[in-house]
Amino acid sequence: MGTKIIGHGTWYDKIAHKIIKRENKLQRDSKLFRTESGIGASGLPHIGSLADATRSYTVAMAIKEQGYNSELIAYSDDMDGLRKVPKDFPRELEKYLGHPVTSIPDPFGNCHKSYGEHMSYLLMDALDKCKIKYRFVSGAEAYKKGLLNDQIEILLKNAKKVGHIINEEVGQDKYIETLPYFPICSNCGRIYSTKAYKFLPKENKILYTCEGMEIRGKWLEGCGNKDEVDYRSGKGKLSWKAGEFAARWVAFGINFEAYGKDIADSVRINDRICKEILNYEPPIHVQYEMFLDKSKKKISKSKGNVFTPQIWFQYGSPQSLLLLTLKRFTGTRTLSVADIPQYMNELDELEDVFLGKKKVFDEKDRAKLVGLYKYCWGLKPPTEPSAHLPYNLLVYLAMIAPKESREDYIKNKLRAYRYIEDSSEVEKSRIQYAINWAEEFEEVEKTNIILNTKEAEAIREFIGILEVEENADKIQGAIFQTARKHGLKPKDFFSILYQALIGIPKGPKLGPYIVDIGPKNVIKRLEEIG
């Protein structure tokens, strides 16, 4: 009896099934399920920011595949105050520390209305390139339009209870006496420098003083202004730790939101606020871990080690980036530009599984791989096989091609290697990715190859042949002869050479390819593994 496969067999299908089952049990409206992803607007969006949205969108797609309407809410935290000027940003922004990012001018040519709008646009641009469908909600607009007013009123009336929940969860007593709301100072324009100390429910007003704020261990003095604000005016916001998440979940009817482990405490607090104060069962959550750069540091908007989606799109397809974000949900991963070729090639392997060209005999495993491939294409995968142009091969060809005619040279070589009969738009873009790579980097990250004694001896002998032989046919024949002489199957020896030279176990006819890229270059690489 076969294993029961839910939806397309992926983790996303399983969590969608769990969400549907839970919401039906709660007897809540199931006409439209919503997943949410937060868009940080205080710095350049990085790969992790995109991953948060792509995963939530895939959950929404999986819900739809199980017969229910769904949508992704992309909520921009653009009422957030600027806490630090990100590295390599104009230093003149320091005068706006503490100001909501939507009130700060766009420092990059005034192409957007504000700093915050510019940062939100960059992530939305990446989502659009990945064909992610979403409903964008600006936090600033949500407050101005009063979308959270009902929840704000309840939280203000129950402020002490909010404070005690925070104290019980994380030992912080700040909100026992302070209201969980930050007015924008009517004098200096900062938001986190204000302390809201009294709520006047009949007048819908909050009394506050501008005392100052701590930014990265340094105290930024407030202006001393004392004033009042109508919480319905949009001139302030909830503290995200002390109820904003919960208010959003209730106001928008959110059924799923994932989160990074760095805000686990805040999510736990908001879950309690949601249940105990707003009387709403919070959405299902899944905790994911961060992407790290190769130095094992968290990729950060402010530290200057930002790996943005726009950088990825210079060298790899949107589908390869989706594969990175969807392939695994939990567990920390290190990441650099050098990983892009791997994901481009891996997407080809998934296509082979999807089209039945590569057999996976375990039914469950096959369903999961096919499902992953479909989700990378937004459930609209190509029905015809692609040419599977190995990334490393394209880069090597780009490096040796005449600069004034790189694309034509590469296409001619691909025809000679019988990869293509003609070029298509997909192949053109893939060629351009490789050209971009060749212009920026010396080589593709090498595949780690461990040789046994026979294989190492065969490699050393073949290097000796390449030092004196330049004829493509003779080099091709020498590969067979060298393999047999050292007791290796020619197929296995060819695979070692392909792995060393282009990073995959098969490729173009090796004799002509070695002549094209130059025996000296091949010798250099083989010496590294031999």
Protein backbone atom coordinates (compact mmCIF):
# COMPACT_ATOMS: atom_id res chain seq x y z
CA MET A 1 0.00 0.00 0.00
CA GLY A 2 1.46 3.37 -1.09
CA THR A 3 2.30 6.20 1.29
CA LYS A 4 -0.40 8.88 1.47
CA ILE A 5 0.96 12.06 -0.06
CA ILE A 6 -0.61 15.38 0.91
CA GLY A 7 -0.84 17.86 -1.95
CA HIS A 8 2.48 17.95 -3.75
CA GLY A 9 4.30 16.06 -1.01
CA THR A 10 6.36 18.93 0.38
CA TRP A 11 6.63 20.40 3.86
CA TYR A 12 4.55 23.34 2.60
CA ASP A 13 1.67 21.03 1.72
CA LYS A 14 1.79 19.43 5.15
CA ILE A 15 1.71 22.76 6.97
CA ALA A 16 -1.14 23.94 4.72
CA HIS A 17 -3.11 20.83 5.64
CA LYS A 18 -2.41 21.53 9.32
CA ILE A 19 -3.59 25.14 8.99
CA ILE A 20 -6.83 24.16 7.25
CA LYS A 21 -7.57 21.45 9.79
CA ARG A 22 -6.92 23.82 12.71
CA GLU A 23 -9.01 26.69 11.34
CA ASN A 24 -11.93 24.37 10.65
CA LYS A 25 -11.67 23.03 14.19
CA LEU A 26 -11.76 26.61 15.51
CA GLN A 27 -14.83 27.15 13.30
CA ARG A 28 -13.37 30.35 11.90
CA ASP A 29 -14.22 31.73 8.47
CA SER A 30 -12.42 29.62 5.85
CA LYS A 31 -13.38 31.64 2.77
CA LEU A 32 -9.90 33.16 2.61
CA PHE A 33 -6.77 31.97 4.39
CA ARG A 34 -3.99 34.50 4.88
CA THR A 35 -0.29 34.07 5.45
CA GLU A 36 1.89 37.02 6.41
CA SER A 37 5.46 38.14 5.89
CA GLY A 38 6.99 41.28 7.35
CA ILE A 39 8.98 43.62 5.10
CA GLY A 40 11.69 45.47 6.98
CA ALA A 41 12.04 49.00 5.61
CA SER A 42 15.02 50.22 7.65
CA GLY A 43 17.77 48.82 5.39
CA LEU A 44 18.55 46.88 2.23
CA PRO A 45 16.45 43.70 2.02
CA HIS A 46 18.62 40.58 1.98
CA ILE A 47 18.11 36.97 0.92
CA GLY A 48 16.66 36.12 4.34
CA SER A 49 14.03 38.87 3.95
CA LEU A 50 12.99 37.38 0.62
CA ALA A 51 12.98 33.84 2.04
CA ASP A 52 10.48 34.85 4.71
CA ALA A 53 8.07 35.98 1.98
CA THR A 54 8.68 33.13 -0.48
CA ARG A 55 8.03 30.49 2.17
CA SER A 56 4.83 32.16 3.36
CA TYR A 57 3.69 32.49 -0.24
CA THR A 58 4.36 28.83 -0.90
CA VAL A 59 2.24 27.92 2.13
CA ALA A 60 -0.50 30.10 0.63
CA MET A 61 -0.14 28.29 -2.72
CA ALA A 62 -0.32 24.92 -0.97
CA ILE A 63 -3.54 25.99 0.79
CA LYS A 64 -5.01 26.97 -2.57
CA GLU A 65 -3.98 23.61 -4.03
CA GLN A 66 -6.08 21.97 -1.30
CA GLY A 67 -9.23 23.78 -2.41
CA TYR A 68 -9.29 27.04 -0.41
CA ASN A 69 -8.67 30.65 -1.38
CA SER A 70 -5.53 32.19 0.07
CA GLU A 71 -3.28 35.22 -0.11
CA LEU A 72 0.03 36.47 1.20
CA ILE A 73 0.03 39.75 3.12
CA ALA A 74 3.38 41.53 2.72
CA TYR A 75 3.34 43.97 5.63
CA SER A 76 5.96 46.72 5.52
CA ASP A 77 7.22 47.90 8.92
CA ASP A 78 7.67 51.37 7.46
CA MET A 79 6.62 53.16 10.65
CA ASP A 80 9.78 51.74 12.19
CA GLY A 81 12.29 54.29 13.45
CA LEU A 82 15.80 54.34 11.99
CA ARG A 83 18.11 52.95 14.68
CA LYS A 84 21.37 52.88 12.75
CA VAL A 85 22.65 54.14 9.43
CA PRO A 86 23.52 50.99 7.45
CA LYS A 87 27.11 50.64 6.30
CA ASP A 88 27.88 52.47 3.02
CA PHE A 89 24.72 54.60 3.31
CA PRO A 90 25.11 58.42 3.33
CA ARG A 91 26.29 59.55 6.77
CA GLU A 92 23.94 62.55 6.57
CA LEU A 93 21.19 60.10 7.53
CA GLU A 94 22.46 60.22 11.12
CA LYS A 95 20.37 63.33 11.72
CA TYR A 96 17.28 61.17 11.11
CA LEU A 97 18.05 58.55 13.77
CA GLY A 98 14.82 57.73 15.60
CA HIS A 99 12.61 59.11 12.83
CA PRO A 100 10.06 56.82 11.11
CA VAL A 101 11.63 55.62 7.86
CA THR A 102 8.65 56.92 5.87
CA SER A 103 9.41 60.46 7.09
CA ILE A 104 13.06 60.31 5.97
CA PRO A 105 13.85 61.58 2.42
CA ASP A 106 15.01 59.00 -0.11
CA PRO A 107 18.83 59.23 -0.03
CA PHE A 108 19.20 57.52 -3.41
CA GLY A 109 18.17 60.13 -5.94
CA ASN A 110 14.63 60.87 -4.74
CA CYS A 111 13.21 58.10 -6.93
CA HIS A 112 10.77 57.28 -4.13
CA LYS A 113 8.78 59.38 -1.66
CA SER A 114 10.88 58.26 1.31
CA TYR A 115 13.73 56.13 2.57
CA GLY A 116 11.21 53.54 3.76
CA GLU A 117 9.38 53.39 0.45
CA HIS A 118 12.68 52.87 -1.39
CA MET A 119 13.66 49.93 0.86
CA SER A 120 10.21 48.33 0.58
CA TYR A 121 10.36 48.71 -3.21
CA LEU A 122 13.61 46.74 -3.41
CA LEU A 123 12.04 43.69 -1.77
CA MET A 124 8.83 44.01 -3.78
CA ASP A 125 10.94 44.20 -6.95
CA ALA A 126 12.57 40.89 -5.98
CA LEU A 127 9.17 39.34 -5.19
CA ASP A 128 7.88 40.47 -8.57
CA LYS A 129 10.87 38.97 -10.39
CA CYS A 130 10.17 35.68 -8.58
CA LYS A 131 6.48 35.98 -9.62
CA ILE A 132 5.36 36.00 -5.98
CA LYS A 133 1.78 37.23 -5.67
CA TYR A 134 1.06 39.31 -2.59
CA ARG A 135 -1.07 42.09 -1.15
CA PHE A 136 1.19 44.88 0.01
CA VAL A 137 0.24 46.67 3.23
CA SER A 138 2.18 49.73 4.34
CA GLY A 139 2.32 49.95 8.13
CA ALA A 140 2.21 53.75 7.94
CA GLU A 141 -0.91 53.62 5.77
CA ALA A 142 -2.51 50.95 7.99
CA TYR A 143 -2.20 53.27 11.00
CA LYS A 144 -3.43 56.31 9.05
CA LYS A 145 -6.46 54.43 7.74
CA GLY A 146 -7.29 53.10 11.21
CA LEU A 147 -6.99 49.44 10.26
CA LEU A 148 -5.59 48.62 13.71
CA ASN A 149 -7.68 51.04 15.78
CA ASP A 150 -9.88 48.42 17.44
CA GLN A 151 -6.87 46.43 18.57
CA ILE A 152 -4.97 49.53 19.71
CA GLU A 153 -7.88 50.59 21.92
CA ILE A 154 -8.11 47.16 23.57
CA LEU A 155 -4.36 47.03 24.20
CA LEU A 156 -4.29 50.53 25.67
CA LYS A 157 -7.18 49.72 28.01
CA ASN A 158 -5.34 46.54 29.07
CA ALA A 159 -1.85 48.07 29.12
CA LYS A 160 -0.95 46.81 32.60
CA LYS A 161 -1.93 43.27 31.62
CA VAL A 162 0.30 43.59 28.54
CA GLY A 163 3.13 44.75 30.79
CA HIS A 164 2.72 41.82 33.18
CA ILE A 165 2.74 39.31 30.28
CA ILE A 166 6.04 40.80 29.04
CA ASN A 167 7.48 40.73 32.55
CA GLU A 168 6.47 37.08 33.02
CA GLU A 169 7.93 36.03 29.66
CA VAL A 170 11.21 37.95 29.50
CA GLY A 171 11.61 39.68 32.88
CA GLN A 172 11.26 43.19 31.44
CA ASP A 173 9.17 45.58 33.57
CA LYS A 174 9.24 48.59 31.23
CA TYR A 175 5.67 48.18 30.00
CA ILE A 176 4.12 47.79 33.45
CA GLU A 177 4.18 51.61 33.77
CA THR A 178 4.62 52.58 30.10
CA LEU A 179 1.88 52.20 27.49
CA PRO A 180 2.70 49.80 24.61
CA TYR A 181 2.53 52.65 22.09
CA PHE A 182 5.08 55.05 20.60
CA PRO A 183 3.71 58.45 19.55
CA ILE A 184 5.68 60.42 16.99
CA CYS A 185 6.98 63.49 18.82
CA SER A 186 5.15 66.56 17.54
CA ASN A 187 8.30 68.64 18.07
CA CYS A 188 11.36 66.63 16.93
CA GLY A 189 9.65 63.99 14.76
CA ARG A 190 11.24 60.99 16.45
CA ILE A 191 9.19 57.95 17.40
CA TYR A 192 11.13 55.75 19.84
CA SER A 193 12.25 58.71 21.96
CA THR A 194 8.71 59.14 23.32
CA LYS A 195 7.26 57.61 26.48
CA ALA A 196 3.48 57.20 26.54
CA TYR A 197 2.37 57.31 30.17
CA LYS A 198 -1.41 57.88 30.24
CA PHE A 199 -4.42 56.88 28.13
CA LEU A 200 -7.60 59.00 28.12
CA PRO A 201 -10.17 56.57 26.68
CA LYS A 202 -13.06 59.04 26.45
CA GLU A 203 -10.94 61.44 24.42
CA ASN A 204 -9.05 58.67 22.54
CA LYS A 205 -5.82 60.43 23.50
CA ILE A 206 -2.42 59.40 24.80
CA LEU A 207 -0.22 61.67 26.91
CA TYR A 208 3.53 61.42 26.31
CA THR A 209 6.91 63.00 26.88
CA CYS A 210 9.94 62.93 24.55
CA GLU A 211 12.60 61.59 26.91
CA GLY A 212 15.14 59.99 24.59
CA MET A 213 16.13 56.57 23.31
CA GLU A 214 18.99 54.11 23.44
CA ILE A 215 20.54 53.31 20.05
CA ARG A 216 23.18 50.58 19.89
CA GLY A 217 24.24 51.19 23.50
CA LYS A 218 24.30 55.00 23.17
CA TRP A 219 21.69 57.35 24.59
CA LEU A 220 20.05 59.79 22.18
CA GLU A 221 18.57 62.62 24.22
CA GLY A 222 14.92 63.52 23.66
CA CYS A 223 13.73 67.06 23.03
CA GLY A 224 11.71 67.22 26.29
CA ASN A 225 8.43 67.91 24.50
CA LYS A 226 5.23 67.05 26.39
CA ASP A 227 2.11 66.58 24.32
CA GLU A 228 -0.88 64.38 23.54
CA VAL A 229 -1.86 62.38 20.47
CA ASP A 230 -5.08 60.79 19.24
CA TYR A 231 -4.20 57.12 18.68
CA ARG A 232 -6.55 57.11 15.66
CA SER A 233 -4.53 59.80 13.85
CA GLY A 234 -1.79 57.50 12.56
CA LYS A 235 0.84 59.61 14.36
CA GLY A 236 2.28 56.71 16.31
CA LYS A 237 2.48 52.96 16.42
CA LEU A 238 2.26 49.97 18.73
CA SER A 239 5.44 48.47 20.09
CA TRP A 240 5.98 45.36 17.99
CA LYS A 241 7.15 43.43 21.05
CA ALA A 242 4.18 44.59 23.13
CA GLY A 243 1.31 43.85 20.79
CA GLU A 244 1.79 45.01 17.21
CA PHE A 245 2.19 41.48 15.85
CA ALA A 246 -0.93 40.39 17.70
CA ALA A 247 -2.90 43.42 16.49
CA ARG A 248 -1.94 42.66 12.88
CA TRP A 249 -2.86 39.00 13.17
CA VAL A 250 -6.32 39.90 14.43
CA ALA A 251 -6.93 42.85 12.10
CA PHE A 252 -5.96 40.95 8.96
CA GLY A 253 -7.09 37.47 10.02
CA ILE A 254 -3.64 35.90 9.66
CA ASN A 255 -3.50 32.08 9.76
CA PHE A 256 0.25 31.53 9.34
CA GLU A 257 3.42 33.51 10.00
CA ALA A 258 6.92 32.11 10.24
CA TYR A 259 9.65 33.90 12.20
CA GLY A 260 13.38 33.92 12.80
CA LYS A 261 14.75 32.70 16.08
CA ASP A 262 16.04 36.21 16.90
CA ILE A 263 12.46 37.35 17.59
CA ALA A 264 11.23 34.15 19.26
CA ASP A 265 10.59 35.98 22.56
CA SER A 266 8.50 38.64 20.84
CA VAL A 267 6.40 36.06 19.03
CA ARG A 268 5.80 34.17 22.27
CA ILE A 269 4.70 37.41 23.99
CA ASN A 270 2.40 38.33 21.12
CA ASP A 271 0.84 34.87 21.11
CA ARG A 272 -0.18 35.39 24.73
CA ILE A 273 -1.42 38.92 24.07
CA CYS A 274 -3.40 37.60 21.12
CA LYS A 275 -5.11 34.90 23.20
CA GLU A 276 -5.44 36.54 26.60
CA ILE A 277 -6.23 40.13 25.64
CA LEU A 278 -7.48 40.18 22.04
CA ASN A 279 -9.33 36.84 22.39
CA TYR A 280 -7.97 35.47 19.10
CA GLU A 281 -6.12 32.22 18.57
CA PRO A 282 -2.78 33.30 17.06
CA PRO A 283 -1.65 31.95 13.71
CA ILE A 284 0.37 28.79 13.32
CA HIS A 285 4.07 29.57 13.45
CA VAL A 286 7.23 27.87 12.31
CA GLN A 287 10.63 29.07 13.46
CA TYR A 288 13.41 29.22 10.92
CA GLU A 289 17.09 29.97 11.32
CA MET A 290 19.13 32.67 9.67
CA PHE A 291 21.26 32.72 6.57
CA LEU A 292 24.87 33.40 7.54
CA ASP A 293 27.66 34.69 5.37
CA LYS A 294 30.71 32.49 4.91
CA SER A 295 32.35 34.02 7.99
CA LYS A 296 29.39 32.56 9.98
CA LYS A 297 28.01 36.04 10.76
CA LYS A 298 24.31 36.76 10.45
CA ILE A 299 23.51 38.52 7.17
CA SER A 300 22.45 41.98 8.31
CA LYS A 301 21.06 45.16 6.79
CA SER A 302 23.19 47.37 9.03
CA LYS A 303 26.52 45.50 9.13
CA GLY A 304 27.25 45.85 5.42
CA ASN A 305 27.37 42.13 4.63
CA VAL A 306 24.03 42.31 2.80
CA PHE A 307 23.52 39.66 0.13
CA THR A 308 20.56 41.11 -1.73
CA PRO A 309 18.24 39.34 -4.19
CA GLN A 310 19.36 41.89 -6.79
CA ILE A 311 22.94 40.56 -6.50
CA TRP A 312 21.66 37.00 -7.05
CA PHE A 313 19.74 38.04 -10.18
CA GLN A 314 22.98 39.21 -11.82
CA TYR A 315 24.29 35.63 -11.83
CA GLY A 316 21.31 33.30 -11.39
CA SER A 317 17.66 32.88 -12.27
CA PRO A 318 14.72 33.75 -10.00
CA GLN A 319 13.85 30.03 -9.91
CA SER A 320 17.32 29.13 -8.60
CA LEU A 321 16.88 31.71 -5.83
CA LEU A 322 13.47 30.25 -5.00
CA LEU A 323 15.11 26.82 -4.80
CA LEU A 324 17.56 28.20 -2.23
CA THR A 325 14.77 29.64 -0.09
CA LEU A 326 12.34 26.72 -0.40
CA LYS A 327 14.64 23.72 -0.34
CA ARG A 328 15.04 23.72 3.41
CA PHE A 329 13.10 25.59 6.07
CA THR A 330 14.97 24.95 9.29
CA GLY A 331 18.68 24.91 10.07
CA THR A 332 21.27 27.66 9.67
CA ARG A 333 22.94 27.91 6.28
CA THR A 334 26.03 29.76 5.14
CA LEU A 335 25.65 31.58 1.88
CA SER A 336 27.70 33.46 -0.69
CA VAL A 337 27.57 34.34 -4.36
CA ALA A 338 29.74 31.26 -4.98
CA ASP A 339 26.71 29.05 -4.23
CA ILE A 340 24.69 30.32 -7.21
CA PRO A 341 26.12 27.88 -9.82
CA GLN A 342 25.23 24.95 -7.55
CA TYR A 343 21.59 26.00 -7.38
CA MET A 344 21.41 26.64 -11.13
CA ASN A 345 22.64 23.10 -11.78
CA GLU A 346 20.44 21.61 -9.06
CA LEU A 347 17.37 23.15 -10.66
CA ASP A 348 18.25 21.23 -13.83
CA GLU A 349 18.41 18.01 -11.83
CA LEU A 350 14.96 18.67 -10.38
CA GLU A 351 13.65 19.28 -13.88
CA ASP A 352 14.89 15.82 -14.89
CA VAL A 353 13.00 14.30 -11.97
CA PHE A 354 9.88 16.30 -12.86
CA LEU A 355 9.99 15.18 -16.51
CA GLY A 356 10.76 11.57 -15.60
CA LYS A 357 14.24 11.62 -17.16
CA LYS A 358 15.81 10.87 -13.77
CA LYS A 359 14.21 8.04 -11.80
CA VAL A 360 13.51 8.31 -8.08
CA PHE A 361 12.01 5.05 -6.95
CA ASP A 362 10.79 6.10 -3.52
CA GLU A 363 7.31 7.49 -4.20
CA LYS A 364 7.41 9.92 -1.29
CA ASP A 365 10.84 11.30 -2.19
CA ARG A 366 9.89 11.71 -5.83
CA ALA A 367 6.68 13.59 -4.94
CA LYS A 368 8.63 15.94 -2.69
CA LEU A 369 11.24 16.72 -5.35
CA VAL A 370 8.63 17.22 -8.06
CA GLY A 371 6.58 19.39 -5.69
CA LEU A 372 9.62 21.50 -4.84
CA TYR A 373 10.33 22.02 -8.55
CA LYS A 374 6.73 23.03 -9.21
CA TYR A 375 6.75 25.55 -6.38
CA CYS A 376 10.00 27.05 -7.69
CA TRP A 377 8.03 27.82 -10.84
CA GLY A 378 4.92 29.06 -9.03
CA LEU A 379 3.10 25.82 -10.01
CA LYS A 380 3.61 26.69 -13.70
CA PRO A 381 6.71 24.67 -14.61
CA PRO A 382 7.92 24.41 -18.22
CA THR A 383 6.64 21.30 -19.98
CA GLU A 384 9.59 21.00 -22.38
CA PRO A 385 13.11 20.09 -21.24
CA SER A 386 15.75 22.82 -21.22
CA ALA A 387 19.21 22.43 -22.70
CA HIS A 388 20.82 21.95 -19.26
CA LEU A 389 23.78 24.19 -19.94
CA PRO A 390 26.28 23.54 -17.12
CA TYR A 391 27.03 26.81 -15.35
CA ASN A 392 30.75 26.10 -14.97
CA LEU A 393 31.03 25.25 -18.66
CA LEU A 394 29.40 28.56 -19.63
CA VAL A 395 31.71 30.49 -17.28
CA TYR A 396 34.84 28.86 -18.68
CA LEU A 397 33.68 29.59 -22.23
CA ALA A 398 32.89 33.20 -21.25
CA MET A 399 36.39 33.57 -19.84
CA ILE A 400 38.13 32.44 -23.02
CA ALA A 401 35.68 34.11 -25.43
CA PRO A 402 36.63 37.31 -27.26
CA LYS A 403 35.12 40.12 -25.18
CA GLU A 404 33.54 41.82 -28.17
CA SER A 405 31.62 38.67 -29.23
CA ARG A 406 31.23 36.57 -26.08
CA GLU A 407 27.61 35.57 -26.59
CA ASP A 408 28.08 34.46 -30.21
CA TYR A 409 31.28 32.59 -29.34
CA ILE A 410 29.57 30.70 -26.50
CA LYS A 411 26.57 29.81 -28.67
CA ASN A 412 28.81 28.51 -31.44
CA LYS A 413 30.72 26.34 -28.98
CA LEU A 414 27.46 25.02 -27.48
CA ARG A 415 26.32 24.05 -30.96
CA ALA A 416 29.65 22.33 -31.58
CA TYR A 417 29.22 20.45 -28.28
CA ARG A 418 25.64 19.59 -29.36
CA TYR A 419 24.01 21.23 -26.38
CA ILE A 420 21.80 23.42 -28.51
CA GLU A 421 20.54 23.62 -32.06
CA ASP A 422 19.48 27.22 -31.66
CA SER A 423 19.18 29.68 -28.81
CA SER A 424 16.09 30.45 -26.77
CA GLU A 425 15.41 33.31 -24.37
CA VAL A 426 16.10 31.08 -21.34
CA GLU A 427 19.45 30.06 -22.75
CA LYS A 428 20.31 33.66 -23.56
CA SER A 429 19.68 34.68 -19.97
CA ARG A 430 21.74 31.76 -18.69
CA ILE A 431 24.59 32.73 -20.97
CA GLN A 432 24.37 36.30 -19.71
CA TYR A 433 24.51 35.12 -16.08
CA ALA A 434 27.76 33.32 -16.90
CA ILE A 435 29.17 36.34 -18.73
CA ASN A 436 28.38 38.52 -15.72
CA TRP A 437 30.14 35.96 -13.52
CA ALA A 438 33.21 35.83 -15.76
CA GLU A 439 33.49 39.63 -15.66
CA GLU A 440 33.39 39.72 -11.85
CA PHE A 441 35.10 36.54 -10.61
CA GLU A 442 38.16 34.52 -11.55
CA GLU A 443 36.45 31.13 -11.47
CA VAL A 444 33.52 29.11 -10.20
CA GLU A 445 33.98 27.55 -6.76
CA LYS A 446 35.72 24.23 -7.24
CA THR A 447 34.08 20.88 -6.57
CA ASN A 448 35.81 18.99 -3.78
CA ILE A 449 37.03 15.67 -5.20
CA ILE A 450 38.64 12.87 -3.19
CA LEU A 451 40.64 10.38 -5.26
CA ASN A 452 41.75 6.86 -4.43
CA THR A 453 45.26 5.68 -5.32
CA LYS A 454 44.36 4.36 -8.79
CA GLU A 455 42.46 7.50 -9.70
CA ALA A 456 45.27 9.78 -8.51
CA GLU A 457 47.81 7.83 -10.57
CA ALA A 458 45.56 8.04 -13.64
CA ILE A 459 45.17 11.81 -13.21
CA ARG A 460 48.94 12.28 -12.95
CA GLU A 461 49.51 10.26 -16.12
CA PHE A 462 46.84 12.17 -17.99
CA ILE A 463 48.46 15.46 -16.94
CA GLY A 464 51.70 14.21 -18.53
CA ILE A 465 49.83 13.49 -21.78
CA LEU A 466 48.30 16.99 -21.83
CA GLU A 467 51.75 18.54 -21.45
CA VAL A 468 52.71 17.26 -24.92
CA GLU A 469 49.43 16.52 -26.77
CA GLU A 470 47.21 19.19 -28.39
CA ASN A 471 45.08 17.13 -30.80
CA ALA A 472 41.46 16.83 -29.63
CA ASP A 473 40.89 13.29 -30.98
CA LYS A 474 44.12 12.00 -29.47
CA ILE A 475 43.29 13.56 -26.10
CA GLN A 476 39.87 11.92 -26.24
CA GLY A 477 41.44 8.53 -26.97
CA ALA A 478 44.02 9.03 -24.24
CA ILE A 479 41.27 9.32 -21.63
CA PHE A 480 40.02 5.81 -22.49
CA GLN A 481 43.55 4.37 -22.61
CA THR A 482 44.62 5.96 -19.31
CA ALA A 483 41.52 4.70 -17.52
CA ARG A 484 41.97 1.10 -18.69
CA LYS A 485 45.71 1.14 -17.97
CA HIS A 486 45.00 1.96 -14.31
CA GLY A 487 42.11 -0.49 -13.91
CA LEU A 488 39.34 2.13 -14.03
CA LYS A 489 36.12 2.09 -15.97
CA PRO A 490 36.36 4.80 -18.64
CA LYS A 491 32.91 6.05 -17.60
CA ASP A 492 34.13 6.63 -14.04
CA PHE A 493 37.31 8.37 -15.17
CA PHE A 494 35.36 10.65 -17.48
CA SER A 495 33.07 11.51 -14.56
CA ILE A 496 36.07 12.51 -12.41
CA LEU A 497 37.36 14.78 -15.18
CA TYR A 498 33.94 16.37 -15.71
CA GLN A 499 33.56 16.98 -11.96
CA ALA A 500 36.99 18.59 -11.85
CA LEU A 501 36.46 20.78 -14.91
CA ILE A 502 32.78 21.75 -14.93
CA GLY A 503 31.45 20.57 -11.58
CA ILE A 504 28.99 17.94 -12.84
CA PRO A 505 29.46 14.24 -13.75
CA LYS A 506 28.90 14.64 -17.49
CA GLY A 507 29.30 17.25 -20.16
CA PRO A 508 30.60 17.99 -23.67
CA LYS A 509 33.00 15.76 -25.56
CA LEU A 510 36.14 16.22 -23.50
CA GLY A 511 38.84 16.17 -26.19
CA PRO A 512 37.55 19.24 -28.08
CA TYR A 513 36.58 20.97 -24.84
CA ILE A 514 40.09 20.60 -23.37
CA VAL A 515 41.59 22.04 -26.54
CA ASP A 516 39.11 24.94 -26.48
CA ILE A 517 39.83 26.03 -22.92
CA GLY A 518 43.53 25.23 -23.19
CA PRO A 519 45.43 22.18 -21.90
CA LYS A 520 47.45 24.41 -19.54
CA ASN A 521 44.26 25.52 -17.76
CA VAL A 522 43.14 21.89 -17.49
CA ILE A 523 46.52 20.81 -16.13
CA LYS A 524 46.33 23.52 -13.46
CA ARG A 525 42.95 22.27 -12.25
CA LEU A 526 43.91 18.58 -12.35
CA GLU A 527 47.08 19.26 -10.37
CA GLU A 528 44.88 20.70 -7.62
CA ILE A 529 43.02 17.41 -7.21
CA GLY A 530 45.75 14.94 -8.19
